[in-house]
Amino acid sequence: MKASLDWLRAHGDDFAPPGGTFGCAHLTHYTAEYVEWGEGSPIVLVPGLAGGMGLLGPLAKLLAPSRRVIIYQLRGEDDSFALRRPFGLNDLGRDLGNFLDCLCLERPMVFGFSFGGVVALDFAVQHPGRVGQLAVQGVGARFEPSLIQQVARTVLSRFPLPPDSAFVNQFFNLLFGQSQGSNALSEFVVRQIWQTDQGMMAHRLGLIETYNLDDQLGRIRAPTLILAGEKDVVVSARSLQNLSEGIPGAKLVKLLNCGHLASITHASVVAEELLRFAN
């Protein structure tokens, strides 16, 4: 079915491609909502820790004219009760494989943003023959504890926060890479991120504390593009280097003046790199 006006308004219609086909994929452990636009070779976008598939609307809008773009919801995004049944990173990777099966996508290009990059990398390690091309942004080879992440997880799991809190605004400025002030894009990002349940955000932050692919990256066989924001405070230079050196033939591209949320704040730069890599 066509994406409804209510869905588009709720997910930032100004930042998403026009039209779009909405669907539900009945996976083993949950029903995943998804939206797709365009025609041509498919690229599956895996969302980040918060904000769901709507947050990648700016990127999808730029990719859709030349690619078939598909975004799906991660487990727990629309159902915080999913936490009643524990799941880990490997489960989310299996969800991705299950989703590709449901849409009959044999070896598509997969792009993972931030936490979605962790899911995409884990999937490519476990199922190297299922990915035609792999691209990630905002992720390294392993989890590196930082004060920012520790504070974020503690606050998210223990204290209900309003979207206009000083802590939230400062945290988002760090992710943006610079102070955004008040504009349509920053308001869109904050609105999207707060559609994700705080408990689910904290759970996902907890999952990446066990993330370490240093010894397994050599299993990835798909041509791989690694995009790294110059001002990303979440991923260290060492972790990026280990990721790019650990994956055979991987290409590392630094995104100037970009922070952790480069795929949203600098979607045109990311889209250009993805399309150049895909072609």
Foldseek 3Di string as FASTA:
>chain_A
DKDDPVNCVLLPVVQAAPIWDWDWFQFPLHIKIKTKAADDAEEEEEEALFLFPSLLRNLNNLQRPPHIYMYIGFPCQQPVCSVVPDDALVVSLVRVVRVCVRVVPAAGEYEYAALRLLSQLVNCLVCQRRHQAYEYELDFQAADDDPLLVVLLVCLQPDDDDLPDPVNQVSVCLQFLHRDPDDPLVVSNSSSRVSGRSNSSSVSSVNRNPGHCLPRQCSHDHAYEYEYEPSEPRDDPVRRVSNQVSHPNYHYDYDYSGYSSCCRVVVVVVSVVVVVVVD
